[in-house]
PDB file of N, CA and C in Angstrom:
ATOM      1  N   UNK A   1       0.836  -1.172   0.000  1.00  0.00           N
ATOM      2  CA  UNK A   1       0.000   0.000   0.000  1.00  0.00           C
ATOM      3  C   UNK A   1       0.888   1.244   0.000  1.00  0.00           C
ATOM      4  N   UNK A   2       0.516   2.180  -0.832  1.00  0.00           N
ATOM      5  CA  UNK A   2       1.282   3.403  -0.968  1.00  0.00           C
ATOM      6  C   UNK A   2       0.598   4.535  -0.205  1.00  0.00           C
ATOM      7  N   UNK A   3       1.313   5.192   0.718  1.00  0.00           N
ATOM      8  CA  UNK A   3       0.697   6.322   1.417  1.00  0.00           C
ATOM      9  C   UNK A   3       0.574   7.527   0.488  1.00  0.00           C
ATOM     10  N   UNK A   4      -0.544   8.238   0.605  1.00  0.00           N
ATOM     11  CA  UNK A   4      -0.766   9.470  -0.154  1.00  0.00           C
ATOM     12  C   UNK A   4      -1.126  10.568   0.842  1.00  0.00           C
ATOM     13  N   UNK A   5      -0.700  11.781   0.599  1.00  0.00           N
ATOM     14  CA  UNK A   5      -0.997  12.850   1.544  1.00  0.00           C
ATOM     15  C   UNK A   5      -2.475  13.224   1.544  1.00  0.00           C
ATOM     16  N   UNK A   6      -2.951  13.646   2.694  1.00  0.00           N
ATOM     17  CA  UNK A   6      -4.315  14.149   2.827  1.00  0.00           C
ATOM     18  C   UNK A   6      -4.278  15.672   2.803  1.00  0.00           C
ATOM     19  N   UNK A   7      -5.434  16.280   2.613  1.00  0.00           N
ATOM     20  CA  UNK A   7      -5.531  17.739   2.566  1.00  0.00           C
ATOM     21  C   UNK A   7      -5.896  18.337   3.918  1.00  0.00           C
ATOM     22  N   UNK A   8      -6.693  17.611   4.719  1.00  0.00           N
ATOM     23  CA  UNK A   8      -7.245  18.188   5.952  1.00  0.00           C
ATOM     24  C   UNK A   8      -6.783  17.496   7.228  1.00  0.00           C
ATOM     25  N   UNK A   9      -6.218  16.291   7.125  1.00  0.00           N
ATOM     26  CA  UNK A   9      -5.747  15.572   8.312  1.00  0.00           C
ATOM     27  C   UNK A   9      -4.295  15.155   8.097  1.00  0.00           C
ATOM     28  N   UNK A  10      -3.587  14.880   9.203  1.00  0.00           N
ATOM     29  CA  UNK A  10      -2.169  14.518   9.100  1.00  0.00           C
ATOM     30  C   UNK A  10      -1.943  13.088   8.633  1.00  0.00           C
ATOM     31  N   UNK A  11      -2.829  12.186   8.983  1.00  0.00           N
ATOM     32  CA  UNK A  11      -2.648  10.772   8.621  1.00  0.00           C
ATOM     33  C   UNK A  11      -2.724  10.604   7.105  1.00  0.00           C
ATOM     34  N   UNK A  12      -1.889   9.714   6.537  1.00  0.00           N
ATOM     35  CA  UNK A  12      -1.967   9.487   5.094  1.00  0.00           C
ATOM     36  C   UNK A  12      -3.164   8.606   4.737  1.00  0.00           C
ATOM     37  N   UNK A  13      -3.532   8.639   3.470  1.00  0.00           N
ATOM     38  CA  UNK A  13      -4.568   7.746   2.952  1.00  0.00           C
ATOM     39  C   UNK A  13      -3.884   6.726   2.049  1.00  0.00           C
ATOM     40  N   UNK A  14      -4.610   5.710   1.606  1.00  0.00           N
ATOM     41  CA  UNK A  14      -4.051   4.672   0.734  1.00  0.00           C
ATOM     42  C   UNK A  14      -4.241   5.110  -0.718  1.00  0.00           C
ATOM     43  N   UNK A  15      -3.141   5.322  -1.417  1.00  0.00           N
ATOM     44  CA  UNK A  15      -3.183   5.826  -2.792  1.00  0.00           C
ATOM     45  C   UNK A  15      -3.961   4.907  -3.732  1.00  0.00           C
ATOM     46  N   UNK A  16      -3.890   3.597  -3.529  1.00  0.00           N
ATOM     47  CA  UNK A  16      -4.556   2.643  -4.428  1.00  0.00           C
ATOM     48  C   UNK A  16      -6.068   2.549  -4.202  1.00  0.00           C
ATOM     49  N   UNK A  17      -6.568   3.120  -3.127  1.00  0.00           N
ATOM     50  CA  UNK A  17      -8.006   3.044  -2.837  1.00  0.00           C
ATOM     51  C   UNK A  17      -8.775   3.959  -3.788  1.00  0.00           C
ATOM     52  N   UNK A  18      -9.829   3.455  -4.443  1.00  0.00           N
ATOM     53  CA  UNK A  18     -10.581   4.289  -5.379  1.00  0.00           C
ATOM     54  C   UNK A  18     -11.360   5.415  -4.689  1.00  0.00           C
ATOM     55  N   UNK A  19     -11.707   5.240  -3.433  1.00  0.00           N
ATOM     56  CA  UNK A  19     -12.383   6.287  -2.673  1.00  0.00           C
ATOM     57  C   UNK A  19     -11.766   6.346  -1.281  1.00  0.00           C
ATOM     58  N   UNK A  20     -11.417   7.556  -0.849  1.00  0.00           N
ATOM     59  CA  UNK A  20     -10.854   7.763   0.482  1.00  0.00           C
ATOM     60  C   UNK A  20     -11.595   8.891   1.174  1.00  0.00           C
ATOM     61  N   UNK A  21     -11.798   8.739   2.468  1.00  0.00           N
ATOM     62  CA  UNK A  21     -12.441   9.776   3.270  1.00  0.00           C
ATOM     63  C   UNK A  21     -11.440  10.295   4.290  1.00  0.00           C
ATOM     64  N   UNK A  22     -11.348  11.600   4.427  1.00  0.00           N
ATOM     65  CA  UNK A  22     -10.551  12.211   5.481  1.00  0.00           C
ATOM     66  C   UNK A  22     -11.523  12.569   6.601  1.00  0.00           C
ATOM     67  N   UNK A  23     -11.276  12.039   7.796  1.00  0.00           N
ATOM     68  CA  UNK A  23     -12.223  12.207   8.896  1.00  0.00           C
ATOM     69  C   UNK A  23     -11.522  12.612  10.185  1.00  0.00           C
ATOM     70  N   UNK A  24     -12.300  13.218  11.090  1.00  0.00           N
ATOM     71  CA  UNK A  24     -11.861  13.444  12.451  1.00  0.00           C
ATOM     72  C   UNK A  24     -12.785  12.636  13.356  1.00  0.00           C
ATOM     73  N   UNK A  25     -12.244  12.076  14.401  1.00  0.00           N
ATOM     74  CA  UNK A  25     -13.016  11.236  15.324  1.00  0.00           C
ATOM     75  C   UNK A  25     -13.985  12.107  16.117  1.00  0.00           C
ATOM     76  N   UNK A  26     -15.243  11.688  16.159  1.00  0.00           N
ATOM     77  CA  UNK A  26     -16.225  12.391  16.985  1.00  0.00           C
ATOM     78  C   UNK A  26     -16.621  11.562  18.202  1.00  0.00           C
ATOM     79  N   UNK A  27     -16.352  10.255  18.169  1.00  0.00           N
ATOM     80  CA  UNK A  27     -16.655   9.430  19.333  1.00  0.00           C
ATOM     81  C   UNK A  27     -16.098   8.026  19.198  1.00  0.00           C
ATOM     82  N   UNK A  28     -15.730   7.438  20.332  1.00  0.00           N
ATOM     83  CA  UNK A  28     -15.298   6.040  20.385  1.00  0.00           C
ATOM     84  C   UNK A  28     -16.145   5.370  21.458  1.00  0.00           C
ATOM     85  N   UNK A  29     -16.842   4.320  21.077  1.00  0.00           N
ATOM     86  CA  UNK A  29     -17.786   3.658  21.969  1.00  0.00           C
ATOM     87  C   UNK A  29     -17.404   2.199  22.152  1.00  0.00           C
ATOM     88  N   UNK A  30     -17.340   1.760  23.409  1.00  0.00           N
ATOM     89  CA  UNK A  30     -17.038   0.367  23.700  1.00  0.00           C
ATOM     90  C   UNK A  30     -18.311  -0.454  23.518  1.00  0.00           C
ATOM     91  N   UNK A  31     -18.198  -1.549  22.792  1.00  0.00           N
ATOM     92  CA  UNK A  31     -19.342  -2.422  22.538  1.00  0.00           C
ATOM     93  C   UNK A  31     -19.395  -3.519  23.591  1.00  0.00           C
ATOM     94  N   UNK A  32     -20.582  -3.844  24.032  1.00  0.00           N
ATOM     95  CA  UNK A  32     -20.759  -4.879  25.049  1.00  0.00           C
ATOM     96  C   UNK A  32     -20.239  -6.214  24.523  1.00  0.00           C
ATOM     97  N   UNK A  33     -19.626  -6.976  25.419  1.00  0.00           N
ATOM     98  CA  UNK A  33     -19.086  -8.273  25.046  1.00  0.00           C
ATOM     99  C   UNK A  33     -19.202  -9.223  26.225  1.00  0.00           C
ATOM    100  N   UNK A  34     -19.522 -10.470  25.928  1.00  0.00           N
ATOM    101  CA  UNK A  34     -19.568 -11.488  26.976  1.00  0.00           C
ATOM    102  C   UNK A  34     -18.181 -12.045  27.274  1.00  0.00           C
ATOM    103  N   UNK A  35     -17.224 -11.737  26.404  1.00  0.00           N
ATOM    104  CA  UNK A  35     -15.851 -12.204  26.566  1.00  0.00           C
ATOM    105  C   UNK A  35     -14.966 -10.985  26.841  1.00  0.00           C
ATOM    106  N   UNK A  36     -14.505 -10.802  28.080  1.00  0.00           N
ATOM    107  CA  UNK A  36     -13.760  -9.597  28.448  1.00  0.00           C
ATOM    108  C   UNK A  36     -12.524  -9.298  27.601  1.00  0.00           C
ATOM    109  N   UNK A  37     -11.815 -10.322  27.136  1.00  0.00           N
ATOM    110  CA  UNK A  37     -10.601 -10.072  26.355  1.00  0.00           C
ATOM    111  C   UNK A  37     -10.895  -9.824  24.874  1.00  0.00           C
ATOM    112  N   UNK A  38     -12.170  -9.814  24.483  1.00  0.00           N
ATOM    113  CA  UNK A  38     -12.537  -9.553  23.091  1.00  0.00           C
ATOM    114  C   UNK A  38     -13.503  -8.379  23.004  1.00  0.00           C
ATOM    115  N   UNK A  39     -13.181  -7.293  23.671  1.00  0.00           N
ATOM    116  CA  UNK A  39     -14.027  -6.108  23.659  1.00  0.00           C
ATOM    117  C   UNK A  39     -13.892  -5.423  22.302  1.00  0.00           C
ATOM    118  N   UNK A  40     -15.003  -4.999  21.742  1.00  0.00           N
ATOM    119  CA  UNK A  40     -15.005  -4.297  20.469  1.00  0.00           C
ATOM    120  C   UNK A  40     -15.292  -2.820  20.674  1.00  0.00           C
ATOM    121  N   UNK A  41     -14.962  -2.049  19.682  1.00  0.00           N
ATOM    122  CA  UNK A  41     -15.206  -0.609  19.730  1.00  0.00           C
ATOM    123  C   UNK A  41     -15.832  -0.149  18.423  1.00  0.00           C
ATOM    124  N   UNK A  42     -16.673   0.865  18.504  1.00  0.00           N
ATOM    125  CA  UNK A  42     -17.235   1.510  17.322  1.00  0.00           C
ATOM    126  C   UNK A  42     -16.714   2.944  17.309  1.00  0.00           C
ATOM    127  N   UNK A  43     -16.147   3.346  16.187  1.00  0.00           N
ATOM    128  CA  UNK A  43     -15.603   4.693  16.055  1.00  0.00           C
ATOM    129  C   UNK A  43     -16.483   5.455  15.073  1.00  0.00           C
ATOM    130  N   UNK A  44     -16.922   6.647  15.477  1.00  0.00           N
ATOM    131  CA  UNK A  44     -17.684   7.512  14.572  1.00  0.00           C
ATOM    132  C   UNK A  44     -16.832   8.729  14.254  1.00  0.00           C
ATOM    133  N   UNK A  45     -17.086   9.335  13.103  1.00  0.00           N
ATOM    134  CA  UNK A  45     -16.286  10.484  12.714  1.00  0.00           C
ATOM    135  C   UNK A  45     -17.045  11.430  11.811  1.00  0.00           C
ATOM    136  N   UNK A  46     -16.455  12.595  11.603  1.00  0.00           N
ATOM    137  CA  UNK A  46     -17.007  13.608  10.710  1.00  0.00           C
ATOM    138  C   UNK A  46     -16.105  13.686   9.489  1.00  0.00           C
ATOM    139  N   UNK A  47     -16.689  13.568   8.312  1.00  0.00           N
ATOM    140  CA  UNK A  47     -15.925  13.586   7.061  1.00  0.00           C
ATOM    141  C   UNK A  47     -15.549  15.028   6.720  1.00  0.00           C
ATOM    142  N   UNK A  48     -14.252  15.243   6.480  1.00  0.00           N
ATOM    143  CA  UNK A  48     -13.744  16.569   6.123  1.00  0.00           C
ATOM    144  C   UNK A  48     -13.443  16.701   4.635  1.00  0.00           C
ATOM    145  N   UNK A  49     -13.066  15.590   3.995  1.00  0.00           N
ATOM    146  CA  UNK A  49     -12.722  15.616   2.568  1.00  0.00           C
ATOM    147  C   UNK A  49     -12.940  14.225   1.980  1.00  0.00           C
ATOM    148  N   UNK A  50     -13.245  14.200   0.686  1.00  0.00           N
ATOM    149  CA  UNK A  50     -13.472  12.937  -0.033  1.00  0.00           C
ATOM    150  C   UNK A  50     -12.596  12.940  -1.284  1.00  0.00           C
ATOM    151  N   UNK A  51     -11.936  11.810  -1.544  1.00  0.00           N
ATOM    152  CA  UNK A  51     -11.123  11.638  -2.736  1.00  0.00           C
ATOM    153  C   UNK A  51     -11.732  10.492  -3.547  1.00  0.00           C
ATOM    154  N   UNK A  52     -12.070  10.747  -4.811  1.00  0.00           N
ATOM    155  CA  UNK A  52     -12.678   9.727  -5.671  1.00  0.00           C
ATOM    156  C   UNK A  52     -11.870   9.636  -6.954  1.00  0.00           C
ATOM    157  N   UNK A  53     -11.417   8.428  -7.282  1.00  0.00           N
ATOM    158  CA  UNK A  53     -10.642   8.211  -8.510  1.00  0.00           C
ATOM    159  C   UNK A  53     -11.556   8.344  -9.724  1.00  0.00           C
ATOM    160  N   UNK A  54     -11.067   9.012 -10.753  1.00  0.00           N
ATOM    161  CA  UNK A  54     -11.840   9.192 -11.990  1.00  0.00           C
ATOM    162  C   UNK A  54     -12.229   7.848 -12.616  1.00  0.00           C
ATOM    163  N   UNK A  55     -11.436   6.805 -12.381  1.00  0.00           N
ATOM    164  CA  UNK A  55     -11.686   5.494 -12.987  1.00  0.00           C
ATOM    165  C   UNK A  55     -13.009   4.872 -12.538  1.00  0.00           C
ATOM    166  N   UNK A  56     -13.554   5.306 -11.404  1.00  0.00           N
ATOM    167  CA  UNK A  56     -14.817   4.723 -10.918  1.00  0.00           C
ATOM    168  C   UNK A  56     -16.013   5.657 -11.143  1.00  0.00           C
ATOM    169  N   UNK A  57     -15.805   6.745 -11.889  1.00  0.00           N
ATOM    170  CA  UNK A  57     -16.874   7.713 -12.140  1.00  0.00           C
ATOM    171  C   UNK A  57     -17.350   7.609 -13.585  1.00  0.00           C
ATOM    172  N   UNK A  58     -18.677   7.520 -13.767  1.00  0.00           N
ATOM    173  CA  UNK A  58     -19.300   7.533 -15.088  1.00  0.00           C
ATOM    174  C   UNK A  58     -20.399   8.587 -15.054  1.00  0.00           C
ATOM    175  N   UNK A  59     -20.367   9.514 -15.993  1.00  0.00           N
ATOM    176  CA  UNK A  59     -21.369  10.582 -16.087  1.00  0.00           C
ATOM    177  C   UNK A  59     -21.555  11.315 -14.759  1.00  0.00           C
ATOM    178  N   UNK A  60     -20.449  11.575 -14.070  1.00  0.00           N
ATOM    179  CA  UNK A  60     -20.497  12.342 -12.838  1.00  0.00           C
ATOM    180  C   UNK A  60     -20.956  11.588 -11.602  1.00  0.00           C
ATOM    181  N   UNK A  61     -21.167  10.283 -11.710  1.00  0.00           N
ATOM    182  CA  UNK A  61     -21.616   9.481 -10.565  1.00  0.00           C
ATOM    183  C   UNK A  61     -20.680   8.296 -10.361  1.00  0.00           C
ATOM    184  N   UNK A  62     -20.514   7.893  -9.089  1.00  0.00           N
ATOM    185  CA  UNK A  62     -19.692   6.719  -8.786  1.00  0.00           C
ATOM    186  C   UNK A  62     -20.400   5.490  -9.337  1.00  0.00           C
ATOM    187  N   UNK A  63     -19.682   4.715 -10.120  1.00  0.00           N
ATOM    188  CA  UNK A  63     -20.213   3.473 -10.689  1.00  0.00           C
ATOM    189  C   UNK A  63     -19.945   2.331  -9.711  1.00  0.00           C
ATOM    190  N   UNK A  64     -21.010   1.789  -9.149  1.00  0.00           N
ATOM    191  CA  UNK A  64     -20.869   0.667  -8.223  1.00  0.00           C
ATOM    192  C   UNK A  64     -20.244  -0.529  -8.941  1.00  0.00           C
ATOM    193  N   UNK A  65     -20.595  -0.723 -10.208  1.00  0.00           N
ATOM    194  CA  UNK A  65     -20.018  -1.832 -10.984  1.00  0.00           C
ATOM    195  C   UNK A  65     -18.504  -1.674 -11.114  1.00  0.00           C
ATOM    196  N   UNK A  66     -18.038  -0.456 -11.341  1.00  0.00           N
ATOM    197  CA  UNK A  66     -16.591  -0.231 -11.448  1.00  0.00           C
ATOM    198  C   UNK A  66     -15.910  -0.254 -10.077  1.00  0.00           C
ATOM    199  N   UNK A  67     -16.603   0.210  -9.064  1.00  0.00           N
ATOM    200  CA  UNK A  67     -16.038   0.271  -7.718  1.00  0.00           C
ATOM    201  C   UNK A  67     -15.860  -1.124  -7.123  1.00  0.00           C
ATOM    202  N   UNK A  68     -16.829  -2.005  -7.361  1.00  0.00           N
ATOM    203  CA  UNK A  68     -16.816  -3.377  -6.849  1.00  0.00           C
ATOM    204  C   UNK A  68     -16.538  -3.425  -5.340  1.00  0.00           C
ATOM    205  N   UNK A  69     -17.407  -2.797  -4.532  1.00  0.00           N
ATOM    206  CA  UNK A  69     -17.163  -2.750  -3.086  1.00  0.00           C
ATOM    207  C   UNK A  69     -17.310  -4.110  -2.411  1.00  0.00           C
ATOM    208  N   UNK A  70     -16.683  -4.236  -1.269  1.00  0.00           N
ATOM    209  CA  UNK A  70     -16.798  -5.429  -0.421  1.00  0.00           C
ATOM    210  C   UNK A  70     -17.474  -4.992   0.869  1.00  0.00           C
ATOM    211  N   UNK A  71     -18.471  -5.745   1.308  1.00  0.00           N
ATOM    212  CA  UNK A  71     -19.203  -5.426   2.536  1.00  0.00           C
ATOM    213  C   UNK A  71     -18.750  -6.339   3.668  1.00  0.00           C
ATOM    214  N   UNK A  72     -18.567  -5.768   4.837  1.00  0.00           N
ATOM    215  CA  UNK A  72     -18.222  -6.543   6.042  1.00  0.00           C
ATOM    216  C   UNK A  72     -19.529  -7.010   6.656  1.00  0.00           C
ATOM    217  N   UNK A  73     -19.679  -8.297   6.866  1.00  0.00           N
ATOM    218  CA  UNK A  73     -20.902  -8.849   7.430  1.00  0.00           C
ATOM    219  C   UNK A  73     -20.722  -9.103   8.918  1.00  0.00           C
ATOM    220  N   UNK A  74     -20.140 -10.184   9.269  1.00  0.00           N
ATOM    221  CA  UNK A  74     -19.913 -10.531  10.667  1.00  0.00           C
ATOM    222  C   UNK A  74     -19.024 -11.752  10.715  1.00  0.00           C
ATOM    223  N   UNK A  75     -18.537 -12.045  11.918  1.00  0.00           N
ATOM    224  CA  UNK A  75     -17.609 -13.164  12.071  1.00  0.00           C
ATOM    225  C   UNK A  75     -16.489 -13.009  11.050  1.00  0.00           C
ATOM    226  N   UNK A  76     -16.305 -13.963  10.179  1.00  0.00           N
ATOM    227  CA  UNK A  76     -15.288 -13.873   9.120  1.00  0.00           C
ATOM    228  C   UNK A  76     -15.944 -13.742   7.749  1.00  0.00           C
ATOM    229  N   UNK A  77     -17.153 -13.243   7.721  1.00  0.00           N
ATOM    230  CA  UNK A  77     -17.920 -13.197   6.476  1.00  0.00           C
ATOM    231  C   UNK A  77     -17.914 -11.814   5.825  1.00  0.00           C
ATOM    232  N   UNK A  78     -17.784 -11.833   4.498  1.00  0.00           N
ATOM    233  CA  UNK A  78     -17.801 -10.626   3.679  1.00  0.00           C
ATOM    234  C   UNK A  78     -18.711 -10.902   2.480  1.00  0.00           C
ATOM    235  N   UNK A  79     -19.109  -9.858   1.769  1.00  0.00           N
ATOM    236  CA  UNK A  79     -19.965 -10.026   0.595  1.00  0.00           C
ATOM    237  C   UNK A  79     -19.524  -9.059  -0.495  1.00  0.00           C
ATOM    238  N   UNK A  80     -19.828  -9.420  -1.734  1.00  0.00           N
ATOM    239  CA  UNK A  80     -19.604  -8.522  -2.864  1.00  0.00           C
ATOM    240  C   UNK A  80     -20.958  -8.186  -3.473  1.00  0.00           C
ATOM    241  N   UNK A  81     -20.981  -7.146  -4.252  1.00  0.00           N
ATOM    242  CA  UNK A  81     -22.223  -6.706  -4.884  1.00  0.00           C
ATOM    243  C   UNK A  81     -22.484  -7.561  -6.121  1.00  0.00           C
ATOM    244  N   UNK A  82     -23.701  -8.050  -6.242  1.00  0.00           N
ATOM    245  CA  UNK A  82     -24.098  -8.805  -7.432  1.00  0.00           C
ATOM    246  C   UNK A  82     -24.790  -7.874  -8.402  1.00  0.00           C
ATOM    247  N   UNK A  83     -26.054  -8.090  -8.608  1.00  0.00           N
ATOM    248  CA  UNK A  83     -26.837  -7.259  -9.513  1.00  0.00           C
ATOM    249  C   UNK A  83     -27.093  -5.894  -8.882  1.00  0.00           C
ATOM    250  N   UNK A  84     -26.942  -4.828  -9.681  1.00  0.00           N
ATOM    251  CA  UNK A  84     -27.220  -3.467  -9.226  1.00  0.00           C
ATOM    252  C   UNK A  84     -28.419  -2.950 -10.017  1.00  0.00           C
ATOM    253  N   UNK A  85     -29.403  -2.378  -9.310  1.00  0.00           N
ATOM    254  CA  UNK A  85     -30.573  -1.829  -9.989  1.00  0.00           C
ATOM    255  C   UNK A  85     -30.981  -0.535  -9.309  1.00  0.00           C
ATOM    256  N   UNK A  86     -31.802   0.271  -9.998  1.00  0.00           N
ATOM    257  CA  UNK A  86     -32.316   1.508  -9.444  1.00  0.00           C
ATOM    258  C   UNK A  86     -33.793   1.383  -9.174  1.00  0.00           C
ATOM    259  N   UNK A  87     -34.243   2.105  -8.156  1.00  0.00           N
ATOM    260  CA  UNK A  87     -35.654   2.108  -7.807  1.00  0.00           C
ATOM    261  C   UNK A  87     -36.031   3.526  -7.363  1.00  0.00           C
ATOM    262  N   UNK A  88     -37.132   4.036  -7.861  1.00  0.00           N
ATOM    263  CA  UNK A  88     -37.604   5.351  -7.457  1.00  0.00           C
ATOM    264  C   UNK A  88     -38.380   5.220  -6.148  1.00  0.00           C
ATOM    265  N   UNK A  89     -38.111   6.124  -5.208  1.00  0.00           N
ATOM    266  CA  UNK A  89     -38.821   6.121  -3.940  1.00  0.00           C
ATOM    267  C   UNK A  89     -40.285   6.495  -4.167  1.00  0.00           C
ATOM    268  N   UNK A  90     -41.195   5.971  -3.372  1.00  0.00           N
ATOM    269  CA  UNK A  90     -42.606   6.363  -3.506  1.00  0.00           C
ATOM    270  C   UNK A  90     -42.754   7.882  -3.337  1.00  0.00           C
ATOM    271  N   UNK A  91     -43.461   8.502  -4.245  1.00  0.00           N
ATOM    272  CA  UNK A  91     -43.667   9.939  -4.195  1.00  0.00           C
ATOM    273  C   UNK A  91     -42.555  10.764  -4.830  1.00  0.00           C
ATOM    274  N   UNK A  92     -41.467  10.128  -5.237  1.00  0.00           N
ATOM    275  CA  UNK A  92     -40.353  10.840  -5.858  1.00  0.00           C
ATOM    276  C   UNK A  92     -40.565  10.920  -7.359  1.00  0.00           C
ATOM    277  N   UNK A  93     -40.234  12.070  -7.948  1.00  0.00           N
ATOM    278  CA  UNK A  93     -40.332  12.220  -9.404  1.00  0.00           C
ATOM    279  C   UNK A  93     -39.191  11.460 -10.049  1.00  0.00           C
ATOM    280  N   UNK A  94     -39.481  10.738 -11.148  1.00  0.00           N
ATOM    281  CA  UNK A  94     -38.424   9.954 -11.800  1.00  0.00           C
ATOM    282  C   UNK A  94     -37.617  10.755 -12.767  1.00  0.00           C
TER     283      UNK A  94
END
């Protein structure tokens, strides 16, 4: 992984990542656990800057097909995006 400079925070971002967020921590919360030595934490933050590679943008929008994100599920499980479709919200003009 290649470090790349950020504009608003001191920590570097990963140059190879198609999308990077520069954030400041707004809270760190300890998650309940039945196993004391496996305590988890949830970190929340405020986004200060966003970096998006042109390679994942089509007609001014991020292409999920080009981005090919991976979702964290639970335990050791992850998922990839299969079919992508659009749907208009009820009451929204198309």
